[in-house]
Amino acid sequence: MAELFGEAFDKELSDVSVELERIRDLGQSVGSALTRNLRNAILEGRSLRSLLSDIGRAFADIALKAALKPLGTMISGGIESLFSALNPAVGGIKPFAKGGIVGTATYFPMPAQWGLAGEAGPEAIIPLQRGSDGRLGVAGGGGSVTVNFNVTASDARSFLAAEAEVSAMLLRAVRRGGRGS
């Protein structure tokens, strides 16, 4: 139908269908209340006044339920939204214990002030931990590093000639590793 009349028409048709469904449910409730009260009046031998009073109460109950249903839906939806926004397991709050990226400007509470991250573009959040020397560093970093040198020499003299070069390479590698920690 959207091809013929457009999406706005389909939405209106959907809204009308929902209202017709509510009217059908209301009609069934009224019919059920009338039948129940008539059956009870006949079986119990009650007066017409009592029967009409019961039917009036049933209509008032049906109307009250129909009137309060949107309010109940709104309140339950609001409470659900509140709890899902405040519960990290449900959603709304993104935990960064294992790190992550802040892609847009985001405020966060700090002692006695507010912080702002991501205001100039994406920023990384990385977990930190104290090393054996007590310094704070990137969690998971600082593990052991293995450096292998393979020296191919045709004889002892060529190996001795390469010894100075291998020592210099090893020294440079150690210095580079020392800067990163």
N, C-alpha and C. Protein backbone atom coordinates (compact mmCIF):
# COMPACT_ATOMS: atom_id res chain seq x y z
N MET A 1 0.81 -1.20 0.00
CA MET A 1 0.00 0.00 0.00
C MET A 1 0.85 1.26 0.00
N ALA A 2 2.07 1.16 0.57
CA ALA A 2 2.94 2.34 0.63
C ALA A 2 3.27 2.85 -0.76
N GLU A 3 3.34 1.93 -1.74
CA GLU A 3 3.66 2.35 -3.11
C GLU A 3 2.54 3.20 -3.70
N LEU A 4 1.28 2.86 -3.33
CA LEU A 4 0.14 3.58 -3.90
C LEU A 4 -0.14 4.90 -3.18
N PHE A 5 -0.15 4.86 -1.84
CA PHE A 5 -0.60 6.02 -1.09
C PHE A 5 0.48 6.70 -0.25
N GLY A 6 1.63 6.07 -0.08
CA GLY A 6 2.70 6.66 0.70
C GLY A 6 2.74 6.14 2.12
N GLU A 7 3.85 6.42 2.79
CA GLU A 7 4.06 5.92 4.15
C GLU A 7 3.14 6.58 5.17
N ALA A 8 2.79 7.85 4.95
CA ALA A 8 1.91 8.55 5.89
C ALA A 8 0.54 7.87 5.94
N PHE A 9 0.05 7.44 4.78
CA PHE A 9 -1.24 6.75 4.73
C PHE A 9 -1.14 5.41 5.46
N ASP A 10 -0.06 4.68 5.26
CA ASP A 10 0.13 3.40 5.95
C ASP A 10 0.16 3.59 7.47
N LYS A 11 0.80 4.65 7.94
CA LYS A 11 0.86 4.92 9.38
C LYS A 11 -0.53 5.22 9.91
N GLU A 12 -1.29 6.04 9.18
CA GLU A 12 -2.67 6.36 9.61
C GLU A 12 -3.51 5.10 9.64
N LEU A 13 -3.36 4.25 8.63
CA LEU A 13 -4.11 3.00 8.57
C LEU A 13 -3.76 2.10 9.74
N SER A 14 -2.49 2.06 10.08
CA SER A 14 -2.04 1.28 11.23
C SER A 14 -2.64 1.82 12.52
N ASP A 15 -2.65 3.16 12.68
CA ASP A 15 -3.24 3.77 13.87
C ASP A 15 -4.73 3.46 13.96
N VAL A 16 -5.44 3.49 12.84
CA VAL A 16 -6.86 3.18 12.82
C VAL A 16 -7.07 1.71 13.21
N SER A 17 -6.22 0.82 12.74
CA SER A 17 -6.33 -0.59 13.08
C SER A 17 -6.15 -0.81 14.58
N VAL A 18 -5.22 -0.10 15.18
CA VAL A 18 -5.00 -0.22 16.62
C VAL A 18 -6.24 0.26 17.38
N GLU A 19 -6.81 1.37 16.96
CA GLU A 19 -8.01 1.89 17.63
C GLU A 19 -9.19 0.94 17.45
N LEU A 20 -9.35 0.36 16.26
CA LEU A 20 -10.43 -0.60 16.04
C LEU A 20 -10.26 -1.83 16.93
N GLU A 21 -9.04 -2.25 17.14
CA GLU A 21 -8.76 -3.37 18.02
C GLU A 21 -9.15 -3.03 19.46
N ARG A 22 -8.83 -1.82 19.90
CA ARG A 22 -9.22 -1.38 21.25
C ARG A 22 -10.74 -1.33 21.40
N ILE A 23 -11.44 -0.85 20.37
CA ILE A 23 -12.90 -0.78 20.41
C ILE A 23 -13.50 -2.19 20.46
N ARG A 24 -12.91 -3.12 19.69
CA ARG A 24 -13.39 -4.50 19.70
C ARG A 24 -13.22 -5.11 21.09
N ASP A 25 -12.06 -4.89 21.72
CA ASP A 25 -11.82 -5.40 23.08
C ASP A 25 -12.81 -4.79 24.08
N LEU A 26 -13.07 -3.50 23.94
CA LEU A 26 -14.03 -2.83 24.82
C LEU A 26 -15.42 -3.41 24.64
N GLY A 27 -15.83 -3.64 23.39
CA GLY A 27 -17.14 -4.24 23.10
C GLY A 27 -17.27 -5.64 23.70
N GLN A 28 -16.21 -6.42 23.59
CA GLN A 28 -16.24 -7.76 24.19
C GLN A 28 -16.36 -7.68 25.71
N SER A 29 -15.69 -6.72 26.32
CA SER A 29 -15.78 -6.55 27.77
C SER A 29 -17.20 -6.18 28.18
N VAL A 30 -17.83 -5.27 27.43
CA VAL A 30 -19.20 -4.85 27.74
C VAL A 30 -20.16 -6.03 27.59
N GLY A 31 -20.03 -6.75 26.49
CA GLY A 31 -20.91 -7.91 26.26
C GLY A 31 -20.75 -8.96 27.35
N SER A 32 -19.51 -9.21 27.74
CA SER A 32 -19.25 -10.18 28.79
C SER A 32 -19.85 -9.73 30.12
N ALA A 33 -19.72 -8.45 30.44
CA ALA A 33 -20.28 -7.92 31.69
C ALA A 33 -21.81 -8.02 31.69
N LEU A 34 -22.45 -7.67 30.57
CA LEU A 34 -23.91 -7.76 30.48
C LEU A 34 -24.38 -9.20 30.65
N THR A 35 -23.77 -10.10 29.95
CA THR A 35 -24.17 -11.51 30.02
C THR A 35 -23.99 -12.06 31.43
N ARG A 36 -22.87 -11.77 32.05
CA ARG A 36 -22.59 -12.26 33.40
C ARG A 36 -23.62 -11.72 34.40
N ASN A 37 -23.93 -10.42 34.32
CA ASN A 37 -24.88 -9.82 35.26
C ASN A 37 -26.31 -10.33 35.03
N LEU A 38 -26.71 -10.52 33.79
CA LEU A 38 -28.04 -11.06 33.51
C LEU A 38 -28.16 -12.49 34.03
N ARG A 39 -27.15 -13.30 33.79
CA ARG A 39 -27.16 -14.68 34.26
C ARG A 39 -27.24 -14.73 35.79
N ASN A 40 -26.44 -13.90 36.45
CA ASN A 40 -26.47 -13.87 37.92
C ASN A 40 -27.83 -13.41 38.44
N ALA A 41 -28.42 -12.42 37.79
CA ALA A 41 -29.72 -11.90 38.24
C ALA A 41 -30.80 -12.97 38.10
N ILE A 42 -30.77 -13.73 37.00
CA ILE A 42 -31.78 -14.77 36.78
C ILE A 42 -31.60 -15.90 37.79
N LEU A 43 -30.36 -16.33 37.97
CA LEU A 43 -30.10 -17.45 38.87
C LEU A 43 -30.34 -17.10 40.33
N GLU A 44 -30.06 -15.87 40.71
CA GLU A 44 -30.19 -15.47 42.11
C GLU A 44 -31.52 -14.77 42.39
N GLY A 45 -32.30 -14.51 41.35
CA GLY A 45 -33.61 -13.89 41.52
C GLY A 45 -33.52 -12.45 42.04
N ARG A 46 -32.56 -11.68 41.57
CA ARG A 46 -32.42 -10.30 42.03
C ARG A 46 -33.37 -9.38 41.29
N SER A 47 -33.55 -8.19 41.82
CA SER A 47 -34.46 -7.22 41.22
C SER A 47 -33.81 -6.54 40.02
N LEU A 48 -34.63 -5.87 39.21
CA LEU A 48 -34.15 -5.14 38.04
C LEU A 48 -33.23 -4.01 38.47
N ARG A 49 -33.57 -3.37 39.60
CA ARG A 49 -32.74 -2.27 40.12
C ARG A 49 -31.34 -2.78 40.45
N SER A 50 -31.24 -3.91 41.10
CA SER A 50 -29.95 -4.50 41.45
C SER A 50 -29.16 -4.85 40.19
N LEU A 51 -29.88 -5.40 39.20
CA LEU A 51 -29.25 -5.77 37.93
C LEU A 51 -28.68 -4.54 37.23
N LEU A 52 -29.46 -3.47 37.14
CA LEU A 52 -29.00 -2.25 36.47
C LEU A 52 -27.84 -1.61 37.23
N SER A 53 -27.88 -1.69 38.56
CA SER A 53 -26.79 -1.16 39.37
C SER A 53 -25.49 -1.92 39.09
N ASP A 54 -25.58 -3.25 39.02
CA ASP A 54 -24.41 -4.07 38.73
C ASP A 54 -23.86 -3.78 37.32
N ILE A 55 -24.78 -3.61 36.37
CA ILE A 55 -24.35 -3.31 34.99
C ILE A 55 -23.68 -1.94 34.93
N GLY A 56 -24.23 -0.97 35.64
CA GLY A 56 -23.63 0.36 35.69
C GLY A 56 -22.22 0.32 36.29
N ARG A 57 -22.07 -0.44 37.38
CA ARG A 57 -20.73 -0.58 37.98
C ARG A 57 -19.76 -1.26 37.02
N ALA A 58 -20.26 -2.27 36.30
CA ALA A 58 -19.39 -2.97 35.34
C ALA A 58 -18.95 -2.01 34.22
N PHE A 59 -19.89 -1.17 33.73
CA PHE A 59 -19.54 -0.20 32.69
C PHE A 59 -18.52 0.82 33.21
N ALA A 60 -18.75 1.28 34.45
CA ALA A 60 -17.81 2.24 35.04
C ALA A 60 -16.42 1.62 35.18
N ASP A 61 -16.37 0.36 35.59
CA ASP A 61 -15.09 -0.35 35.74
C ASP A 61 -14.39 -0.47 34.39
N ILE A 62 -15.14 -0.83 33.35
CA ILE A 62 -14.56 -0.98 32.00
C ILE A 62 -14.03 0.37 31.51
N ALA A 63 -14.83 1.43 31.70
CA ALA A 63 -14.41 2.77 31.25
C ALA A 63 -13.17 3.24 32.01
N LEU A 64 -13.14 2.99 33.31
CA LEU A 64 -11.99 3.39 34.12
C LEU A 64 -10.72 2.65 33.69
N LYS A 65 -10.85 1.35 33.45
CA LYS A 65 -9.68 0.58 32.99
C LYS A 65 -9.18 1.12 31.65
N ALA A 66 -10.10 1.40 30.74
CA ALA A 66 -9.71 1.92 29.42
C ALA A 66 -9.05 3.29 29.54
N ALA A 67 -9.55 4.13 30.45
CA ALA A 67 -9.00 5.47 30.61
C ALA A 67 -7.63 5.44 31.28
N LEU A 68 -7.42 4.51 32.21
CA LEU A 68 -6.16 4.47 32.95
C LEU A 68 -5.08 3.64 32.27
N LYS A 69 -5.44 2.86 31.25
CA LYS A 69 -4.45 2.02 30.58
C LYS A 69 -3.29 2.84 29.98
N PRO A 70 -3.55 3.95 29.24
CA PRO A 70 -2.42 4.73 28.71
C PRO A 70 -1.54 5.31 29.82
N LEU A 71 -2.14 5.70 30.94
CA LEU A 71 -1.36 6.23 32.06
C LEU A 71 -0.45 5.14 32.63
N GLY A 72 -0.98 3.94 32.79
CA GLY A 72 -0.18 2.83 33.30
C GLY A 72 0.96 2.48 32.35
N THR A 73 0.67 2.50 31.05
CA THR A 73 1.70 2.22 30.06
C THR A 73 2.79 3.27 30.10
N MET A 74 2.39 4.54 30.24
CA MET A 74 3.37 5.62 30.29
C MET A 74 4.26 5.51 31.54
N ILE A 75 3.65 5.23 32.68
CA ILE A 75 4.42 5.11 33.93
C ILE A 75 5.37 3.92 33.86
N SER A 76 4.89 2.77 33.40
CA SER A 76 5.77 1.60 33.34
C SER A 76 6.89 1.81 32.33
N GLY A 77 6.60 2.49 31.22
CA GLY A 77 7.65 2.80 30.24
C GLY A 77 8.70 3.74 30.81
N GLY A 78 8.25 4.73 31.58
CA GLY A 78 9.19 5.67 32.21
C GLY A 78 10.08 4.99 33.22
N ILE A 79 9.50 4.12 34.04
CA ILE A 79 10.29 3.39 35.04
C ILE A 79 11.27 2.46 34.35
N GLU A 80 10.83 1.78 33.30
CA GLU A 80 11.73 0.88 32.56
C GLU A 80 12.88 1.66 31.94
N SER A 81 12.60 2.81 31.37
CA SER A 81 13.66 3.64 30.78
C SER A 81 14.65 4.11 31.83
N LEU A 82 14.15 4.50 32.99
CA LEU A 82 15.01 4.96 34.07
C LEU A 82 15.95 3.85 34.52
N PHE A 83 15.40 2.66 34.77
CA PHE A 83 16.25 1.56 35.24
C PHE A 83 17.23 1.10 34.17
N SER A 84 16.82 1.06 32.91
CA SER A 84 17.75 0.63 31.87
C SER A 84 18.85 1.67 31.66
N ALA A 85 18.55 2.95 31.90
CA ALA A 85 19.59 3.98 31.75
C ALA A 85 20.58 3.94 32.90
N LEU A 86 20.15 3.51 34.09
CA LEU A 86 21.03 3.50 35.25
C LEU A 86 21.70 2.15 35.50
N ASN A 87 21.29 1.10 34.80
CA ASN A 87 21.85 -0.22 35.03
C ASN A 87 22.80 -0.59 33.90
N PRO A 88 24.11 -0.68 34.17
CA PRO A 88 25.06 -0.98 33.10
C PRO A 88 24.82 -2.32 32.44
N ALA A 89 24.24 -3.28 33.16
CA ALA A 89 23.99 -4.59 32.57
C ALA A 89 22.88 -4.52 31.53
N VAL A 90 21.93 -3.61 31.69
CA VAL A 90 20.81 -3.49 30.77
C VAL A 90 21.17 -2.58 29.60
N GLY A 91 21.92 -1.57 29.83
CA GLY A 91 22.29 -0.61 28.78
C GLY A 91 22.20 0.79 29.30
N GLY A 92 22.63 1.74 28.52
CA GLY A 92 22.56 3.13 28.95
C GLY A 92 23.89 3.63 29.49
N ILE A 93 24.63 2.80 30.20
CA ILE A 93 25.94 3.16 30.71
C ILE A 93 26.94 2.18 30.12
N LYS A 94 27.97 2.70 29.47
CA LYS A 94 28.97 1.83 28.84
C LYS A 94 30.18 1.72 29.75
N PRO A 95 30.49 0.50 30.22
CA PRO A 95 31.69 0.33 31.05
C PRO A 95 32.95 0.33 30.19
N PHE A 96 34.04 0.89 30.72
CA PHE A 96 35.31 0.96 30.01
C PHE A 96 36.43 0.27 30.78
N ALA A 97 36.09 -0.73 31.61
CA ALA A 97 37.11 -1.41 32.43
C ALA A 97 38.18 -2.07 31.56
N LYS A 98 37.81 -2.50 30.36
CA LYS A 98 38.76 -3.15 29.47
C LYS A 98 39.24 -2.20 28.38
N GLY A 99 38.90 -0.92 28.51
CA GLY A 99 39.31 0.08 27.51
C GLY A 99 38.20 0.34 26.52
N GLY A 100 38.43 1.30 25.64
CA GLY A 100 37.44 1.64 24.63
C GLY A 100 37.76 2.97 23.98
N ILE A 101 36.84 3.44 23.15
CA ILE A 101 37.01 4.70 22.42
C ILE A 101 35.84 5.62 22.75
N VAL A 102 36.14 6.89 23.05
CA VAL A 102 35.12 7.92 23.21
C VAL A 102 35.15 8.71 21.91
N GLY A 103 34.07 8.62 21.13
CA GLY A 103 34.05 9.23 19.81
C GLY A 103 33.49 10.64 19.75
N THR A 104 32.70 11.02 20.73
CA THR A 104 32.11 12.36 20.74
C THR A 104 32.33 12.98 22.12
N ALA A 105 32.11 14.27 22.22
CA ALA A 105 32.30 14.97 23.50
C ALA A 105 31.44 14.30 24.57
N THR A 106 32.09 13.87 25.66
CA THR A 106 31.43 13.14 26.73
C THR A 106 31.89 13.67 28.07
N TYR A 107 30.94 14.04 28.93
CA TYR A 107 31.26 14.50 30.28
C TYR A 107 31.31 13.31 31.22
N PHE A 108 32.19 13.38 32.22
CA PHE A 108 32.26 12.33 33.23
C PHE A 108 32.65 12.97 34.56
N PRO A 109 32.11 12.40 35.66
CA PRO A 109 32.40 12.99 36.98
C PRO A 109 33.81 12.66 37.45
N MET A 110 34.42 13.63 38.10
CA MET A 110 35.72 13.47 38.74
C MET A 110 35.60 14.07 40.13
N PRO A 111 36.55 13.80 41.02
CA PRO A 111 36.45 14.41 42.35
C PRO A 111 36.45 15.94 42.25
N ALA A 112 35.42 16.57 42.74
CA ALA A 112 35.27 18.03 42.83
C ALA A 112 35.17 18.74 41.49
N GLN A 113 35.01 18.03 40.39
CA GLN A 113 34.87 18.69 39.08
C GLN A 113 34.32 17.70 38.05
N TRP A 114 34.12 18.18 36.83
CA TRP A 114 33.68 17.32 35.72
C TRP A 114 34.79 17.26 34.70
N GLY A 115 34.97 16.09 34.06
CA GLY A 115 35.94 15.94 32.99
C GLY A 115 35.22 15.91 31.65
N LEU A 116 35.97 16.16 30.59
CA LEU A 116 35.43 16.15 29.23
C LEU A 116 36.39 15.38 28.35
N ALA A 117 35.91 14.37 27.66
CA ALA A 117 36.74 13.57 26.76
C ALA A 117 36.09 13.55 25.39
N GLY A 118 36.89 13.41 24.36
CA GLY A 118 36.38 13.29 23.00
C GLY A 118 35.93 14.59 22.37
N GLU A 119 36.25 15.73 22.98
CA GLU A 119 35.78 17.01 22.45
C GLU A 119 36.48 17.41 21.16
N ALA A 120 37.69 16.90 20.93
CA ALA A 120 38.44 17.25 19.71
C ALA A 120 38.57 16.05 18.79
N GLY A 121 37.71 15.05 18.96
CA GLY A 121 37.77 13.84 18.15
C GLY A 121 37.91 12.61 19.03
N PRO A 122 38.01 11.45 18.42
CA PRO A 122 38.07 10.20 19.18
C PRO A 122 39.26 10.16 20.14
N GLU A 123 39.02 9.61 21.33
CA GLU A 123 40.07 9.43 22.33
C GLU A 123 39.97 8.01 22.88
N ALA A 124 41.14 7.43 23.21
CA ALA A 124 41.19 6.08 23.76
C ALA A 124 41.14 6.11 25.28
N ILE A 125 40.47 5.12 25.83
CA ILE A 125 40.48 4.89 27.27
C ILE A 125 41.20 3.57 27.46
N ILE A 126 42.30 3.57 28.24
CA ILE A 126 43.07 2.34 28.44
C ILE A 126 43.21 2.07 29.93
N PRO A 127 43.08 0.81 30.33
CA PRO A 127 43.24 0.48 31.74
C PRO A 127 44.71 0.62 32.16
N LEU A 128 44.95 1.08 33.38
CA LEU A 128 46.30 1.24 33.92
C LEU A 128 46.48 0.31 35.12
N GLN A 129 47.73 -0.04 35.39
CA GLN A 129 48.04 -0.80 36.61
C GLN A 129 49.45 -0.47 37.04
N ARG A 130 49.74 -0.70 38.31
CA ARG A 130 51.07 -0.41 38.86
C ARG A 130 52.01 -1.56 38.57
N GLY A 131 53.21 -1.22 38.14
CA GLY A 131 54.23 -2.22 37.89
C GLY A 131 54.93 -2.61 39.18
N SER A 132 55.90 -3.53 39.08
CA SER A 132 56.63 -4.00 40.27
C SER A 132 57.42 -2.87 40.92
N ASP A 133 57.77 -1.84 40.13
CA ASP A 133 58.50 -0.70 40.69
C ASP A 133 57.56 0.37 41.27
N GLY A 134 56.24 0.13 41.22
CA GLY A 134 55.28 1.07 41.78
C GLY A 134 54.79 2.13 40.80
N ARG A 135 55.40 2.19 39.61
CA ARG A 135 54.97 3.18 38.62
C ARG A 135 53.70 2.72 37.92
N LEU A 136 52.88 3.70 37.54
CA LEU A 136 51.63 3.43 36.85
C LEU A 136 51.93 3.29 35.36
N GLY A 137 51.38 2.24 34.75
CA GLY A 137 51.61 2.02 33.32
C GLY A 137 50.41 1.33 32.69
N VAL A 138 50.49 1.08 31.40
CA VAL A 138 49.42 0.44 30.65
C VAL A 138 49.27 -1.00 31.11
N ALA A 139 48.04 -1.39 31.44
CA ALA A 139 47.78 -2.75 31.89
C ALA A 139 48.12 -3.73 30.78
N GLY A 140 48.78 -4.81 31.13
CA GLY A 140 49.13 -5.82 30.15
C GLY A 140 50.45 -5.54 29.46
N GLY A 141 50.97 -4.32 29.60
CA GLY A 141 52.26 -3.99 28.99
C GLY A 141 53.39 -4.41 29.90
N GLY A 142 54.59 -4.32 29.43
CA GLY A 142 55.76 -4.59 30.27
C GLY A 142 56.08 -6.06 30.42
N GLY A 143 55.53 -6.91 29.58
CA GLY A 143 55.88 -8.33 29.64
C GLY A 143 57.28 -8.55 29.12
N SER A 144 57.74 -9.76 29.24
CA SER A 144 59.10 -10.05 28.77
C SER A 144 59.17 -9.99 27.25
N VAL A 145 60.34 -9.64 26.77
CA VAL A 145 60.58 -9.53 25.33
C VAL A 145 61.76 -10.42 24.98
N THR A 146 61.60 -11.19 23.94
CA THR A 146 62.68 -12.05 23.49
C THR A 146 63.24 -11.47 22.20
N VAL A 147 64.55 -11.28 22.17
CA VAL A 147 65.22 -10.77 20.97
C VAL A 147 66.17 -11.86 20.50
N ASN A 148 66.04 -12.28 19.26
CA ASN A 148 66.92 -13.31 18.69
C ASN A 148 67.80 -12.69 17.62
N PHE A 149 69.08 -13.01 17.67
CA PHE A 149 70.02 -12.61 16.62
C PHE A 149 70.55 -13.89 15.99
N ASN A 150 70.48 -13.94 14.69
CA ASN A 150 71.07 -15.08 13.98
C ASN A 150 72.31 -14.57 13.25
N VAL A 151 73.42 -15.17 13.58
CA VAL A 151 74.68 -14.79 12.94
C VAL A 151 75.16 -15.97 12.12
N THR A 152 75.37 -15.69 10.86
CA THR A 152 75.89 -16.73 9.98
C THR A 152 77.33 -16.34 9.63
N ALA A 153 78.23 -17.21 9.96
CA ALA A 153 79.65 -16.93 9.68
C ALA A 153 80.26 -18.16 9.03
N SER A 154 81.15 -17.91 8.09
CA SER A 154 81.81 -19.03 7.40
C SER A 154 82.98 -19.59 8.20
N ASP A 155 83.55 -18.74 9.07
CA ASP A 155 84.66 -19.21 9.90
C ASP A 155 84.74 -18.35 11.16
N ALA A 156 85.66 -18.64 12.06
CA ALA A 156 85.78 -17.94 13.33
C ALA A 156 86.14 -16.48 13.14
N ARG A 157 86.98 -16.19 12.13
CA ARG A 157 87.40 -14.82 11.89
C ARG A 157 86.22 -13.94 11.48
N SER A 158 85.33 -14.40 10.61
CA SER A 158 84.16 -13.61 10.20
C SER A 158 83.17 -13.45 11.36
N PHE A 159 83.10 -14.46 12.26
CA PHE A 159 82.26 -14.33 13.42
C PHE A 159 82.77 -13.24 14.34
N LEU A 160 84.09 -13.17 14.56
CA LEU A 160 84.67 -12.14 15.41
C LEU A 160 84.46 -10.75 14.80
N ALA A 161 84.49 -10.67 13.50
CA ALA A 161 84.26 -9.38 12.84
C ALA A 161 82.82 -8.91 13.03
N ALA A 162 81.88 -9.86 13.09
CA ALA A 162 80.48 -9.50 13.24
C ALA A 162 80.12 -9.23 14.70
N GLU A 163 81.00 -9.60 15.63
CA GLU A 163 80.70 -9.46 17.07
C GLU A 163 80.41 -8.00 17.44
N ALA A 164 81.18 -7.06 16.93
CA ALA A 164 80.97 -5.64 17.25
C ALA A 164 79.63 -5.17 16.70
N GLU A 165 79.30 -5.62 15.51
CA GLU A 165 78.02 -5.23 14.90
C GLU A 165 76.84 -5.80 15.70
N VAL A 166 76.91 -7.05 16.13
CA VAL A 166 75.86 -7.68 16.91
C VAL A 166 75.71 -6.97 18.25
N SER A 167 76.83 -6.63 18.90
CA SER A 167 76.78 -5.92 20.19
C SER A 167 76.09 -4.57 20.04
N ALA A 168 76.39 -3.84 18.98
CA ALA A 168 75.77 -2.53 18.75
C ALA A 168 74.26 -2.68 18.52
N MET A 169 73.87 -3.69 17.76
CA MET A 169 72.44 -3.92 17.52
C MET A 169 71.71 -4.26 18.82
N LEU A 170 72.33 -5.08 19.66
CA LEU A 170 71.73 -5.46 20.93
C LEU A 170 71.58 -4.24 21.86
N LEU A 171 72.61 -3.40 21.89
CA LEU A 171 72.56 -2.19 22.72
C LEU A 171 71.44 -1.25 22.26
N ARG A 172 71.29 -1.07 20.94
CA ARG A 172 70.20 -0.22 20.41
C ARG A 172 68.83 -0.80 20.78
N ALA A 173 68.67 -2.10 20.71
CA ALA A 173 67.38 -2.73 21.04
C ALA A 173 67.05 -2.54 22.51
N VAL A 174 68.04 -2.69 23.38
CA VAL A 174 67.81 -2.51 24.82
C VAL A 174 67.44 -1.06 25.12
N ARG A 175 68.13 -0.11 24.48
CA ARG A 175 67.80 1.31 24.71
C ARG A 175 66.39 1.63 24.24
N ARG A 176 66.00 1.12 23.08
CA ARG A 176 64.64 1.36 22.59
C ARG A 176 63.60 0.78 23.55
N GLY A 177 63.87 -0.39 24.08
CA GLY A 177 62.95 -1.00 25.04
C GLY A 177 62.87 -0.23 26.32
N GLY A 178 63.98 0.36 26.75
CA GLY A 178 64.01 1.15 27.99
C GLY A 178 63.21 2.43 27.89
N ARG A 179 63.13 3.03 26.71
CA ARG A 179 62.36 4.25 26.52
C ARG A 179 60.86 4.00 26.63
N GLY A 180 60.43 2.81 26.24
CA GLY A 180 58.98 2.50 26.24
C GLY A 180 58.43 2.20 27.60
N SER A 181 59.25 1.92 28.59
CA SER A 181 58.71 1.55 29.90
C SER A 181 58.74 2.68 30.89
